[in-house]
Amino acid sequence: AAIARAKAKKAAQQTQTVDTPLTEQ
């Protein structure tokens, strides 16, 4: 479960825009 969550979050992080403060966080 931990491996699956990590990869899902990594994929979501790559699709976010650079100028959004939430993305960095």
PDBML (XML) file of the C-alpha atoms, coordinates in Angstrom:
<?xml version="1.0" encoding="UTF-8" ?>
<PDBx:datablock datablockName="MODEL"
   xmlns:PDBx="http://pdbml.pdb.org/schema/pdbx-v50.xsd"
   xmlns:xsi="http://www.w3.org/2001/XMLSchema-instance"
   xsi:schemaLocation="http://pdbml.pdb.org/schema/pdbx-v50.xsd pdbx-v50.xsd">
   <PDBx:atom_siteCategory>
      <PDBx:atom_site id="1">
         <PDBx:B_iso_or_equiv>0.00</PDBx:B_iso_or_equiv>
         <PDBx:Cartn_x>0.000</PDBx:Cartn_x>
         <PDBx:Cartn_y>0.000</PDBx:Cartn_y>
         <PDBx:Cartn_z>0.000</PDBx:Cartn_z>
         <PDBx:auth_asym_id>A</PDBx:auth_asym_id>
         <PDBx:auth_atom_id>CA</PDBx:auth_atom_id>
         <PDBx:auth_comp_id>ALA</PDBx:auth_comp_id>
         <PDBx:auth_seq_id>1</PDBx:auth_seq_id>
         <PDBx:group_PDB>ATOM</PDBx:group_PDB>
         <PDBx:label_alt_id xsi:nil="true" />
         <PDBx:label_asym_id>A</PDBx:label_asym_id>
         <PDBx:label_atom_id>CA</PDBx:label_atom_id>
         <PDBx:label_comp_id>ALA</PDBx:label_comp_id>
         <PDBx:label_entity_id>1</PDBx:label_entity_id>
         <PDBx:label_seq_id>1</PDBx:label_seq_id>
         <PDBx:occupancy>1.00</PDBx:occupancy>
         <PDBx:pdbx_PDB_model_num>1</PDBx:pdbx_PDB_model_num>
         <PDBx:type_symbol>C</PDBx:type_symbol>
      </PDBx:atom_site>
      <PDBx:atom_site id="2">
         <PDBx:B_iso_or_equiv>0.00</PDBx:B_iso_or_equiv>
         <PDBx:Cartn_x>2.835</PDBx:Cartn_x>
         <PDBx:Cartn_y>2.431</PDBx:Cartn_y>
         <PDBx:Cartn_z>0.805</PDBx:Cartn_z>
         <PDBx:auth_asym_id>A</PDBx:auth_asym_id>
         <PDBx:auth_atom_id>CA</PDBx:auth_atom_id>
         <PDBx:auth_comp_id>ALA</PDBx:auth_comp_id>
         <PDBx:auth_seq_id>2</PDBx:auth_seq_id>
         <PDBx:group_PDB>ATOM</PDBx:group_PDB>
         <PDBx:label_alt_id xsi:nil="true" />
         <PDBx:label_asym_id>A</PDBx:label_asym_id>
         <PDBx:label_atom_id>CA</PDBx:label_atom_id>
         <PDBx:label_comp_id>ALA</PDBx:label_comp_id>
         <PDBx:label_entity_id>1</PDBx:label_entity_id>
         <PDBx:label_seq_id>2</PDBx:label_seq_id>
         <PDBx:occupancy>1.00</PDBx:occupancy>
         <PDBx:pdbx_PDB_model_num>1</PDBx:pdbx_PDB_model_num>
         <PDBx:type_symbol>C</PDBx:type_symbol>
      </PDBx:atom_site>
      <PDBx:atom_site id="3">
         <PDBx:B_iso_or_equiv>0.00</PDBx:B_iso_or_equiv>
         <PDBx:Cartn_x>4.492</PDBx:Cartn_x>
         <PDBx:Cartn_y>1.815</PDBx:Cartn_y>
         <PDBx:Cartn_z>-2.566</PDBx:Cartn_z>
         <PDBx:auth_asym_id>A</PDBx:auth_asym_id>
         <PDBx:auth_atom_id>CA</PDBx:auth_atom_id>
         <PDBx:auth_comp_id>ILE</PDBx:auth_comp_id>
         <PDBx:auth_seq_id>3</PDBx:auth_seq_id>
         <PDBx:group_PDB>ATOM</PDBx:group_PDB>
         <PDBx:label_alt_id xsi:nil="true" />
         <PDBx:label_asym_id>A</PDBx:label_asym_id>
         <PDBx:label_atom_id>CA</PDBx:label_atom_id>
         <PDBx:label_comp_id>ILE</PDBx:label_comp_id>
         <PDBx:label_entity_id>1</PDBx:label_entity_id>
         <PDBx:label_seq_id>3</PDBx:label_seq_id>
         <PDBx:occupancy>1.00</PDBx:occupancy>
         <PDBx:pdbx_PDB_model_num>1</PDBx:pdbx_PDB_model_num>
         <PDBx:type_symbol>C</PDBx:type_symbol>
      </PDBx:atom_site>
      <PDBx:atom_site id="4">
         <PDBx:B_iso_or_equiv>0.00</PDBx:B_iso_or_equiv>
         <PDBx:Cartn_x>1.222</PDBx:Cartn_x>
         <PDBx:Cartn_y>2.384</PDBx:Cartn_y>
         <PDBx:Cartn_z>-4.389</PDBx:Cartn_z>
         <PDBx:auth_asym_id>A</PDBx:auth_asym_id>
         <PDBx:auth_atom_id>CA</PDBx:auth_atom_id>
         <PDBx:auth_comp_id>ALA</PDBx:auth_comp_id>
         <PDBx:auth_seq_id>4</PDBx:auth_seq_id>
         <PDBx:group_PDB>ATOM</PDBx:group_PDB>
         <PDBx:label_alt_id xsi:nil="true" />
         <PDBx:label_asym_id>A</PDBx:label_asym_id>
         <PDBx:label_atom_id>CA</PDBx:label_atom_id>
         <PDBx:label_comp_id>ALA</PDBx:label_comp_id>
         <PDBx:label_entity_id>1</PDBx:label_entity_id>
         <PDBx:label_seq_id>4</PDBx:label_seq_id>
         <PDBx:occupancy>1.00</PDBx:occupancy>
         <PDBx:pdbx_PDB_model_num>1</PDBx:pdbx_PDB_model_num>
         <PDBx:type_symbol>C</PDBx:type_symbol>
      </PDBx:atom_site>
      <PDBx:atom_site id="5">
         <PDBx:B_iso_or_equiv>0.00</PDBx:B_iso_or_equiv>
         <PDBx:Cartn_x>0.509</PDBx:Cartn_x>
         <PDBx:Cartn_y>5.648</PDBx:Cartn_y>
         <PDBx:Cartn_z>-2.549</PDBx:Cartn_z>
         <PDBx:auth_asym_id>A</PDBx:auth_asym_id>
         <PDBx:auth_atom_id>CA</PDBx:auth_atom_id>
         <PDBx:auth_comp_id>ARG</PDBx:auth_comp_id>
         <PDBx:auth_seq_id>5</PDBx:auth_seq_id>
         <PDBx:group_PDB>ATOM</PDBx:group_PDB>
         <PDBx:label_alt_id xsi:nil="true" />
         <PDBx:label_asym_id>A</PDBx:label_asym_id>
         <PDBx:label_atom_id>CA</PDBx:label_atom_id>
         <PDBx:label_comp_id>ARG</PDBx:label_comp_id>
         <PDBx:label_entity_id>1</PDBx:label_entity_id>
         <PDBx:label_seq_id>5</PDBx:label_seq_id>
         <PDBx:occupancy>1.00</PDBx:occupancy>
         <PDBx:pdbx_PDB_model_num>1</PDBx:pdbx_PDB_model_num>
         <PDBx:type_symbol>C</PDBx:type_symbol>
      </PDBx:atom_site>
      <PDBx:atom_site id="6">
         <PDBx:B_iso_or_equiv>0.00</PDBx:B_iso_or_equiv>
         <PDBx:Cartn_x>4.012</PDBx:Cartn_x>
         <PDBx:Cartn_y>6.984</PDBx:Cartn_y>
         <PDBx:Cartn_z>-3.201</PDBx:Cartn_z>
         <PDBx:auth_asym_id>A</PDBx:auth_asym_id>
         <PDBx:auth_atom_id>CA</PDBx:auth_atom_id>
         <PDBx:auth_comp_id>ALA</PDBx:auth_comp_id>
         <PDBx:auth_seq_id>6</PDBx:auth_seq_id>
         <PDBx:group_PDB>ATOM</PDBx:group_PDB>
         <PDBx:label_alt_id xsi:nil="true" />
         <PDBx:label_asym_id>A</PDBx:label_asym_id>
         <PDBx:label_atom_id>CA</PDBx:label_atom_id>
         <PDBx:label_comp_id>ALA</PDBx:label_comp_id>
         <PDBx:label_entity_id>1</PDBx:label_entity_id>
         <PDBx:label_seq_id>6</PDBx:label_seq_id>
         <PDBx:occupancy>1.00</PDBx:occupancy>
         <PDBx:pdbx_PDB_model_num>1</PDBx:pdbx_PDB_model_num>
         <PDBx:type_symbol>C</PDBx:type_symbol>
      </PDBx:atom_site>
      <PDBx:atom_site id="7">
         <PDBx:B_iso_or_equiv>0.00</PDBx:B_iso_or_equiv>
         <PDBx:Cartn_x>3.841</PDBx:Cartn_x>
         <PDBx:Cartn_y>6.397</PDBx:Cartn_y>
         <PDBx:Cartn_z>-6.945</PDBx:Cartn_z>
         <PDBx:auth_asym_id>A</PDBx:auth_asym_id>
         <PDBx:auth_atom_id>CA</PDBx:auth_atom_id>
         <PDBx:auth_comp_id>LYS</PDBx:auth_comp_id>
         <PDBx:auth_seq_id>7</PDBx:auth_seq_id>
         <PDBx:group_PDB>ATOM</PDBx:group_PDB>
         <PDBx:label_alt_id xsi:nil="true" />
         <PDBx:label_asym_id>A</PDBx:label_asym_id>
         <PDBx:label_atom_id>CA</PDBx:label_atom_id>
         <PDBx:label_comp_id>LYS</PDBx:label_comp_id>
         <PDBx:label_entity_id>1</PDBx:label_entity_id>
         <PDBx:label_seq_id>7</PDBx:label_seq_id>
         <PDBx:occupancy>1.00</PDBx:occupancy>
         <PDBx:pdbx_PDB_model_num>1</PDBx:pdbx_PDB_model_num>
         <PDBx:type_symbol>C</PDBx:type_symbol>
      </PDBx:atom_site>
      <PDBx:atom_site id="8">
         <PDBx:B_iso_or_equiv>0.00</PDBx:B_iso_or_equiv>
         <PDBx:Cartn_x>0.356</PDBx:Cartn_x>
         <PDBx:Cartn_y>7.841</PDBx:Cartn_y>
         <PDBx:Cartn_z>-7.215</PDBx:Cartn_z>
         <PDBx:auth_asym_id>A</PDBx:auth_asym_id>
         <PDBx:auth_atom_id>CA</PDBx:auth_atom_id>
         <PDBx:auth_comp_id>ALA</PDBx:auth_comp_id>
         <PDBx:auth_seq_id>8</PDBx:auth_seq_id>
         <PDBx:group_PDB>ATOM</PDBx:group_PDB>
         <PDBx:label_alt_id xsi:nil="true" />
         <PDBx:label_asym_id>A</PDBx:label_asym_id>
         <PDBx:label_atom_id>CA</PDBx:label_atom_id>
         <PDBx:label_comp_id>ALA</PDBx:label_comp_id>
         <PDBx:label_entity_id>1</PDBx:label_entity_id>
         <PDBx:label_seq_id>8</PDBx:label_seq_id>
         <PDBx:occupancy>1.00</PDBx:occupancy>
         <PDBx:pdbx_PDB_model_num>1</PDBx:pdbx_PDB_model_num>
         <PDBx:type_symbol>C</PDBx:type_symbol>
      </PDBx:atom_site>
      <PDBx:atom_site id="9">
         <PDBx:B_iso_or_equiv>0.00</PDBx:B_iso_or_equiv>
         <PDBx:Cartn_x>1.389</PDBx:Cartn_x>
         <PDBx:Cartn_y>11.021</PDBx:Cartn_y>
         <PDBx:Cartn_z>-5.411</PDBx:Cartn_z>
         <PDBx:auth_asym_id>A</PDBx:auth_asym_id>
         <PDBx:auth_atom_id>CA</PDBx:auth_atom_id>
         <PDBx:auth_comp_id>LYS</PDBx:auth_comp_id>
         <PDBx:auth_seq_id>9</PDBx:auth_seq_id>
         <PDBx:group_PDB>ATOM</PDBx:group_PDB>
         <PDBx:label_alt_id xsi:nil="true" />
         <PDBx:label_asym_id>A</PDBx:label_asym_id>
         <PDBx:label_atom_id>CA</PDBx:label_atom_id>
         <PDBx:label_comp_id>LYS</PDBx:label_comp_id>
         <PDBx:label_entity_id>1</PDBx:label_entity_id>
         <PDBx:label_seq_id>9</PDBx:label_seq_id>
         <PDBx:occupancy>1.00</PDBx:occupancy>
         <PDBx:pdbx_PDB_model_num>1</PDBx:pdbx_PDB_model_num>
         <PDBx:type_symbol>C</PDBx:type_symbol>
      </PDBx:atom_site>
      <PDBx:atom_site id="10">
         <PDBx:B_iso_or_equiv>0.00</PDBx:B_iso_or_equiv>
         <PDBx:Cartn_x>4.497</PDBx:Cartn_x>
         <PDBx:Cartn_y>11.314</PDBx:Cartn_y>
         <PDBx:Cartn_z>-7.592</PDBx:Cartn_z>
         <PDBx:auth_asym_id>A</PDBx:auth_asym_id>
         <PDBx:auth_atom_id>CA</PDBx:auth_atom_id>
         <PDBx:auth_comp_id>LYS</PDBx:auth_comp_id>
         <PDBx:auth_seq_id>10</PDBx:auth_seq_id>
         <PDBx:group_PDB>ATOM</PDBx:group_PDB>
         <PDBx:label_alt_id xsi:nil="true" />
         <PDBx:label_asym_id>A</PDBx:label_asym_id>
         <PDBx:label_atom_id>CA</PDBx:label_atom_id>
         <PDBx:label_comp_id>LYS</PDBx:label_comp_id>
         <PDBx:label_entity_id>1</PDBx:label_entity_id>
         <PDBx:label_seq_id>10</PDBx:label_seq_id>
         <PDBx:occupancy>1.00</PDBx:occupancy>
         <PDBx:pdbx_PDB_model_num>1</PDBx:pdbx_PDB_model_num>
         <PDBx:type_symbol>C</PDBx:type_symbol>
      </PDBx:atom_site>
      <PDBx:atom_site id="11">
         <PDBx:B_iso_or_equiv>0.00</PDBx:B_iso_or_equiv>
         <PDBx:Cartn_x>2.411</PDBx:Cartn_x>
         <PDBx:Cartn_y>11.099</PDBx:Cartn_y>
         <PDBx:Cartn_z>-10.744</PDBx:Cartn_z>
         <PDBx:auth_asym_id>A</PDBx:auth_asym_id>
         <PDBx:auth_atom_id>CA</PDBx:auth_atom_id>
         <PDBx:auth_comp_id>ALA</PDBx:auth_comp_id>
         <PDBx:auth_seq_id>11</PDBx:auth_seq_id>
         <PDBx:group_PDB>ATOM</PDBx:group_PDB>
         <PDBx:label_alt_id xsi:nil="true" />
         <PDBx:label_asym_id>A</PDBx:label_asym_id>
         <PDBx:label_atom_id>CA</PDBx:label_atom_id>
         <PDBx:label_comp_id>ALA</PDBx:label_comp_id>
         <PDBx:label_entity_id>1</PDBx:label_entity_id>
         <PDBx:label_seq_id>11</PDBx:label_seq_id>
         <PDBx:occupancy>1.00</PDBx:occupancy>
         <PDBx:pdbx_PDB_model_num>1</PDBx:pdbx_PDB_model_num>
         <PDBx:type_symbol>C</PDBx:type_symbol>
      </PDBx:atom_site>
      <PDBx:atom_site id="12">
         <PDBx:B_iso_or_equiv>0.00</PDBx:B_iso_or_equiv>
         <PDBx:Cartn_x>-0.036</PDBx:Cartn_x>
         <PDBx:Cartn_y>13.721</PDBx:Cartn_y>
         <PDBx:Cartn_z>-9.442</PDBx:Cartn_z>
         <PDBx:auth_asym_id>A</PDBx:auth_asym_id>
         <PDBx:auth_atom_id>CA</PDBx:auth_atom_id>
         <PDBx:auth_comp_id>ALA</PDBx:auth_comp_id>
         <PDBx:auth_seq_id>12</PDBx:auth_seq_id>
         <PDBx:group_PDB>ATOM</PDBx:group_PDB>
         <PDBx:label_alt_id xsi:nil="true" />
         <PDBx:label_asym_id>A</PDBx:label_asym_id>
         <PDBx:label_atom_id>CA</PDBx:label_atom_id>
         <PDBx:label_comp_id>ALA</PDBx:label_comp_id>
         <PDBx:label_entity_id>1</PDBx:label_entity_id>
         <PDBx:label_seq_id>12</PDBx:label_seq_id>
         <PDBx:occupancy>1.00</PDBx:occupancy>
         <PDBx:pdbx_PDB_model_num>1</PDBx:pdbx_PDB_model_num>
         <PDBx:type_symbol>C</PDBx:type_symbol>
      </PDBx:atom_site>
      <PDBx:atom_site id="13">
         <PDBx:B_iso_or_equiv>0.00</PDBx:B_iso_or_equiv>
         <PDBx:Cartn_x>2.841</PDBx:Cartn_x>
         <PDBx:Cartn_y>16.034</PDBx:Cartn_y>
         <PDBx:Cartn_z>-8.547</PDBx:Cartn_z>
         <PDBx:auth_asym_id>A</PDBx:auth_asym_id>
         <PDBx:auth_atom_id>CA</PDBx:auth_atom_id>
         <PDBx:auth_comp_id>GLN</PDBx:auth_comp_id>
         <PDBx:auth_seq_id>13</PDBx:auth_seq_id>
         <PDBx:group_PDB>ATOM</PDBx:group_PDB>
         <PDBx:label_alt_id xsi:nil="true" />
         <PDBx:label_asym_id>A</PDBx:label_asym_id>
         <PDBx:label_atom_id>CA</PDBx:label_atom_id>
         <PDBx:label_comp_id>GLN</PDBx:label_comp_id>
         <PDBx:label_entity_id>1</PDBx:label_entity_id>
         <PDBx:label_seq_id>13</PDBx:label_seq_id>
         <PDBx:occupancy>1.00</PDBx:occupancy>
         <PDBx:pdbx_PDB_model_num>1</PDBx:pdbx_PDB_model_num>
         <PDBx:type_symbol>C</PDBx:type_symbol>
      </PDBx:atom_site>
      <PDBx:atom_site id="14">
         <PDBx:B_iso_or_equiv>0.00</PDBx:B_iso_or_equiv>
         <PDBx:Cartn_x>4.221</PDBx:Cartn_x>
         <PDBx:Cartn_y>15.916</PDBx:Cartn_y>
         <PDBx:Cartn_z>-12.091</PDBx:Cartn_z>
         <PDBx:auth_asym_id>A</PDBx:auth_asym_id>
         <PDBx:auth_atom_id>CA</PDBx:auth_atom_id>
         <PDBx:auth_comp_id>GLN</PDBx:auth_comp_id>
         <PDBx:auth_seq_id>14</PDBx:auth_seq_id>
         <PDBx:group_PDB>ATOM</PDBx:group_PDB>
         <PDBx:label_alt_id xsi:nil="true" />
         <PDBx:label_asym_id>A</PDBx:label_asym_id>
         <PDBx:label_atom_id>CA</PDBx:label_atom_id>
         <PDBx:label_comp_id>GLN</PDBx:label_comp_id>
         <PDBx:label_entity_id>1</PDBx:label_entity_id>
         <PDBx:label_seq_id>14</PDBx:label_seq_id>
         <PDBx:occupancy>1.00</PDBx:occupancy>
         <PDBx:pdbx_PDB_model_num>1</PDBx:pdbx_PDB_model_num>
         <PDBx:type_symbol>C</PDBx:type_symbol>
      </PDBx:atom_site>
      <PDBx:atom_site id="15">
         <PDBx:B_iso_or_equiv>0.00</PDBx:B_iso_or_equiv>
         <PDBx:Cartn_x>0.897</PDBx:Cartn_x>
         <PDBx:Cartn_y>17.063</PDBx:Cartn_y>
         <PDBx:Cartn_z>-13.600</PDBx:Cartn_z>
         <PDBx:auth_asym_id>A</PDBx:auth_asym_id>
         <PDBx:auth_atom_id>CA</PDBx:auth_atom_id>
         <PDBx:auth_comp_id>THR</PDBx:auth_comp_id>
         <PDBx:auth_seq_id>15</PDBx:auth_seq_id>
         <PDBx:group_PDB>ATOM</PDBx:group_PDB>
         <PDBx:label_alt_id xsi:nil="true" />
         <PDBx:label_asym_id>A</PDBx:label_asym_id>
         <PDBx:label_atom_id>CA</PDBx:label_atom_id>
         <PDBx:label_comp_id>THR</PDBx:label_comp_id>
         <PDBx:label_entity_id>1</PDBx:label_entity_id>
         <PDBx:label_seq_id>15</PDBx:label_seq_id>
         <PDBx:occupancy>1.00</PDBx:occupancy>
         <PDBx:pdbx_PDB_model_num>1</PDBx:pdbx_PDB_model_num>
         <PDBx:type_symbol>C</PDBx:type_symbol>
      </PDBx:atom_site>
      <PDBx:atom_site id="16">
         <PDBx:B_iso_or_equiv>0.00</PDBx:B_iso_or_equiv>
         <PDBx:Cartn_x>0.430</PDBx:Cartn_x>
         <PDBx:Cartn_y>20.167</PDBx:Cartn_y>
         <PDBx:Cartn_z>-11.412</PDBx:Cartn_z>
         <PDBx:auth_asym_id>A</PDBx:auth_asym_id>
         <PDBx:auth_atom_id>CA</PDBx:auth_atom_id>
         <PDBx:auth_comp_id>GLN</PDBx:auth_comp_id>
         <PDBx:auth_seq_id>16</PDBx:auth_seq_id>
         <PDBx:group_PDB>ATOM</PDBx:group_PDB>
         <PDBx:label_alt_id xsi:nil="true" />
         <PDBx:label_asym_id>A</PDBx:label_asym_id>
         <PDBx:label_atom_id>CA</PDBx:label_atom_id>
         <PDBx:label_comp_id>GLN</PDBx:label_comp_id>
         <PDBx:label_entity_id>1</PDBx:label_entity_id>
         <PDBx:label_seq_id>16</PDBx:label_seq_id>
         <PDBx:occupancy>1.00</PDBx:occupancy>
         <PDBx:pdbx_PDB_model_num>1</PDBx:pdbx_PDB_model_num>
         <PDBx:type_symbol>C</PDBx:type_symbol>
      </PDBx:atom_site>
      <PDBx:atom_site id="17">
         <PDBx:B_iso_or_equiv>0.00</PDBx:B_iso_or_equiv>
         <PDBx:Cartn_x>1.341</PDBx:Cartn_x>
         <PDBx:Cartn_y>23.690</PDBx:Cartn_y>
         <PDBx:Cartn_z>-12.663</PDBx:Cartn_z>
         <PDBx:auth_asym_id>A</PDBx:auth_asym_id>
         <PDBx:auth_atom_id>CA</PDBx:auth_atom_id>
         <PDBx:auth_comp_id>THR</PDBx:auth_comp_id>
         <PDBx:auth_seq_id>17</PDBx:auth_seq_id>
         <PDBx:group_PDB>ATOM</PDBx:group_PDB>
         <PDBx:label_alt_id xsi:nil="true" />
         <PDBx:label_asym_id>A</PDBx:label_asym_id>
         <PDBx:label_atom_id>CA</PDBx:label_atom_id>
         <PDBx:label_comp_id>THR</PDBx:label_comp_id>
         <PDBx:label_entity_id>1</PDBx:label_entity_id>
         <PDBx:label_seq_id>17</PDBx:label_seq_id>
         <PDBx:occupancy>1.00</PDBx:occupancy>
         <PDBx:pdbx_PDB_model_num>1</PDBx:pdbx_PDB_model_num>
         <PDBx:type_symbol>C</PDBx:type_symbol>
      </PDBx:atom_site>
      <PDBx:atom_site id="18">
         <PDBx:B_iso_or_equiv>0.00</PDBx:B_iso_or_equiv>
         <PDBx:Cartn_x>4.576</PDBx:Cartn_x>
         <PDBx:Cartn_y>25.333</PDBx:Cartn_y>
         <PDBx:Cartn_z>-11.511</PDBx:Cartn_z>
         <PDBx:auth_asym_id>A</PDBx:auth_asym_id>
         <PDBx:auth_atom_id>CA</PDBx:auth_atom_id>
         <PDBx:auth_comp_id>VAL</PDBx:auth_comp_id>
         <PDBx:auth_seq_id>18</PDBx:auth_seq_id>
         <PDBx:group_PDB>ATOM</PDBx:group_PDB>
         <PDBx:label_alt_id xsi:nil="true" />
         <PDBx:label_asym_id>A</PDBx:label_asym_id>
         <PDBx:label_atom_id>CA</PDBx:label_atom_id>
         <PDBx:label_comp_id>VAL</PDBx:label_comp_id>
         <PDBx:label_entity_id>1</PDBx:label_entity_id>
         <PDBx:label_seq_id>18</PDBx:label_seq_id>
         <PDBx:occupancy>1.00</PDBx:occupancy>
         <PDBx:pdbx_PDB_model_num>1</PDBx:pdbx_PDB_model_num>
         <PDBx:type_symbol>C</PDBx:type_symbol>
      </PDBx:atom_site>
      <PDBx:atom_site id="19">
         <PDBx:B_iso_or_equiv>0.00</PDBx:B_iso_or_equiv>
         <PDBx:Cartn_x>3.014</PDBx:Cartn_x>
         <PDBx:Cartn_y>28.673</PDBx:Cartn_y>
         <PDBx:Cartn_z>-10.383</PDBx:Cartn_z>
         <PDBx:auth_asym_id>A</PDBx:auth_asym_id>
         <PDBx:auth_atom_id>CA</PDBx:auth_atom_id>
         <PDBx:auth_comp_id>ASP</PDBx:auth_comp_id>
         <PDBx:auth_seq_id>19</PDBx:auth_seq_id>
         <PDBx:group_PDB>ATOM</PDBx:group_PDB>
         <PDBx:label_alt_id xsi:nil="true" />
         <PDBx:label_asym_id>A</PDBx:label_asym_id>
         <PDBx:label_atom_id>CA</PDBx:label_atom_id>
         <PDBx:label_comp_id>ASP</PDBx:label_comp_id>
         <PDBx:label_entity_id>1</PDBx:label_entity_id>
         <PDBx:label_seq_id>19</PDBx:label_seq_id>
         <PDBx:occupancy>1.00</PDBx:occupancy>
         <PDBx:pdbx_PDB_model_num>1</PDBx:pdbx_PDB_model_num>
         <PDBx:type_symbol>C</PDBx:type_symbol>
      </PDBx:atom_site>
      <PDBx:atom_site id="20">
         <PDBx:B_iso_or_equiv>0.00</PDBx:B_iso_or_equiv>
         <PDBx:Cartn_x>0.569</PDBx:Cartn_x>
         <PDBx:Cartn_y>27.164</PDBx:Cartn_y>
         <PDBx:Cartn_z>-7.919</PDBx:Cartn_z>
         <PDBx:auth_asym_id>A</PDBx:auth_asym_id>
         <PDBx:auth_atom_id>CA</PDBx:auth_atom_id>
         <PDBx:auth_comp_id>THR</PDBx:auth_comp_id>
         <PDBx:auth_seq_id>20</PDBx:auth_seq_id>
         <PDBx:group_PDB>ATOM</PDBx:group_PDB>
         <PDBx:label_alt_id xsi:nil="true" />
         <PDBx:label_asym_id>A</PDBx:label_asym_id>
         <PDBx:label_atom_id>CA</PDBx:label_atom_id>
         <PDBx:label_comp_id>THR</PDBx:label_comp_id>
         <PDBx:label_entity_id>1</PDBx:label_entity_id>
         <PDBx:label_seq_id>20</PDBx:label_seq_id>
         <PDBx:occupancy>1.00</PDBx:occupancy>
         <PDBx:pdbx_PDB_model_num>1</PDBx:pdbx_PDB_model_num>
         <PDBx:type_symbol>C</PDBx:type_symbol>
      </PDBx:atom_site>
      <PDBx:atom_site id="21">
         <PDBx:B_iso_or_equiv>0.00</PDBx:B_iso_or_equiv>
         <PDBx:Cartn_x>1.701</PDBx:Cartn_x>
         <PDBx:Cartn_y>27.475</PDBx:Cartn_y>
         <PDBx:Cartn_z>-4.262</PDBx:Cartn_z>
         <PDBx:auth_asym_id>A</PDBx:auth_asym_id>
         <PDBx:auth_atom_id>CA</PDBx:auth_atom_id>
         <PDBx:auth_comp_id>PRO</PDBx:auth_comp_id>
         <PDBx:auth_seq_id>21</PDBx:auth_seq_id>
         <PDBx:group_PDB>ATOM</PDBx:group_PDB>
         <PDBx:label_alt_id xsi:nil="true" />
         <PDBx:label_asym_id>A</PDBx:label_asym_id>
         <PDBx:label_atom_id>CA</PDBx:label_atom_id>
         <PDBx:label_comp_id>PRO</PDBx:label_comp_id>
         <PDBx:label_entity_id>1</PDBx:label_entity_id>
         <PDBx:label_seq_id>21</PDBx:label_seq_id>
         <PDBx:occupancy>1.00</PDBx:occupancy>
         <PDBx:pdbx_PDB_model_num>1</PDBx:pdbx_PDB_model_num>
         <PDBx:type_symbol>C</PDBx:type_symbol>
      </PDBx:atom_site>
      <PDBx:atom_site id="22">
         <PDBx:B_iso_or_equiv>0.00</PDBx:B_iso_or_equiv>
         <PDBx:Cartn_x>-0.183</PDBx:Cartn_x>
         <PDBx:Cartn_y>24.316</PDBx:Cartn_y>
         <PDBx:Cartn_z>-3.472</PDBx:Cartn_z>
         <PDBx:auth_asym_id>A</PDBx:auth_asym_id>
         <PDBx:auth_atom_id>CA</PDBx:auth_atom_id>
         <PDBx:auth_comp_id>LEU</PDBx:auth_comp_id>
         <PDBx:auth_seq_id>22</PDBx:auth_seq_id>
         <PDBx:group_PDB>ATOM</PDBx:group_PDB>
         <PDBx:label_alt_id xsi:nil="true" />
         <PDBx:label_asym_id>A</PDBx:label_asym_id>
         <PDBx:label_atom_id>CA</PDBx:label_atom_id>
         <PDBx:label_comp_id>LEU</PDBx:label_comp_id>
         <PDBx:label_entity_id>1</PDBx:label_entity_id>
         <PDBx:label_seq_id>22</PDBx:label_seq_id>
         <PDBx:occupancy>1.00</PDBx:occupancy>
         <PDBx:pdbx_PDB_model_num>1</PDBx:pdbx_PDB_model_num>
         <PDBx:type_symbol>C</PDBx:type_symbol>
      </PDBx:atom_site>
      <PDBx:atom_site id="23">
         <PDBx:B_iso_or_equiv>0.00</PDBx:B_iso_or_equiv>
         <PDBx:Cartn_x>1.879</PDBx:Cartn_x>
         <PDBx:Cartn_y>22.388</PDBx:Cartn_y>
         <PDBx:Cartn_z>-5.959</PDBx:Cartn_z>
         <PDBx:auth_asym_id>A</PDBx:auth_asym_id>
         <PDBx:auth_atom_id>CA</PDBx:auth_atom_id>
         <PDBx:auth_comp_id>THR</PDBx:auth_comp_id>
         <PDBx:auth_seq_id>23</PDBx:auth_seq_id>
         <PDBx:group_PDB>ATOM</PDBx:group_PDB>
         <PDBx:label_alt_id xsi:nil="true" />
         <PDBx:label_asym_id>A</PDBx:label_asym_id>
         <PDBx:label_atom_id>CA</PDBx:label_atom_id>
         <PDBx:label_comp_id>THR</PDBx:label_comp_id>
         <PDBx:label_entity_id>1</PDBx:label_entity_id>
         <PDBx:label_seq_id>23</PDBx:label_seq_id>
         <PDBx:occupancy>1.00</PDBx:occupancy>
         <PDBx:pdbx_PDB_model_num>1</PDBx:pdbx_PDB_model_num>
         <PDBx:type_symbol>C</PDBx:type_symbol>
      </PDBx:atom_site>
      <PDBx:atom_site id="24">
         <PDBx:B_iso_or_equiv>0.00</PDBx:B_iso_or_equiv>
         <PDBx:Cartn_x>5.147</PDBx:Cartn_x>
         <PDBx:Cartn_y>23.093</PDBx:Cartn_y>
         <PDBx:Cartn_z>-4.208</PDBx:Cartn_z>
         <PDBx:auth_asym_id>A</PDBx:auth_asym_id>
         <PDBx:auth_atom_id>CA</PDBx:auth_atom_id>
         <PDBx:auth_comp_id>GLU</PDBx:auth_comp_id>
         <PDBx:auth_seq_id>24</PDBx:auth_seq_id>
         <PDBx:group_PDB>ATOM</PDBx:group_PDB>
         <PDBx:label_alt_id xsi:nil="true" />
         <PDBx:label_asym_id>A</PDBx:label_asym_id>
         <PDBx:label_atom_id>CA</PDBx:label_atom_id>
         <PDBx:label_comp_id>GLU</PDBx:label_comp_id>
         <PDBx:label_entity_id>1</PDBx:label_entity_id>
         <PDBx:label_seq_id>24</PDBx:label_seq_id>
         <PDBx:occupancy>1.00</PDBx:occupancy>
         <PDBx:pdbx_PDB_model_num>1</PDBx:pdbx_PDB_model_num>
         <PDBx:type_symbol>C</PDBx:type_symbol>
      </PDBx:atom_site>
      <PDBx:atom_site id="25">
         <PDBx:B_iso_or_equiv>0.00</PDBx:B_iso_or_equiv>
         <PDBx:Cartn_x>3.658</PDBx:Cartn_x>
         <PDBx:Cartn_y>22.196</PDBx:Cartn_y>
         <PDBx:Cartn_z>-0.904</PDBx:Cartn_z>
         <PDBx:auth_asym_id>A</PDBx:auth_asym_id>
         <PDBx:auth_atom_id>CA</PDBx:auth_atom_id>
         <PDBx:auth_comp_id>GLN</PDBx:auth_comp_id>
         <PDBx:auth_seq_id>25</PDBx:auth_seq_id>
         <PDBx:group_PDB>ATOM</PDBx:group_PDB>
         <PDBx:label_alt_id xsi:nil="true" />
         <PDBx:label_asym_id>A</PDBx:label_asym_id>
         <PDBx:label_atom_id>CA</PDBx:label_atom_id>
         <PDBx:label_comp_id>GLN</PDBx:label_comp_id>
         <PDBx:label_entity_id>1</PDBx:label_entity_id>
         <PDBx:label_seq_id>25</PDBx:label_seq_id>
         <PDBx:occupancy>1.00</PDBx:occupancy>
         <PDBx:pdbx_PDB_model_num>1</PDBx:pdbx_PDB_model_num>
         <PDBx:type_symbol>C</PDBx:type_symbol>
      </PDBx:atom_site>
   </PDBx:atom_siteCategory>
</PDBx:datablock>
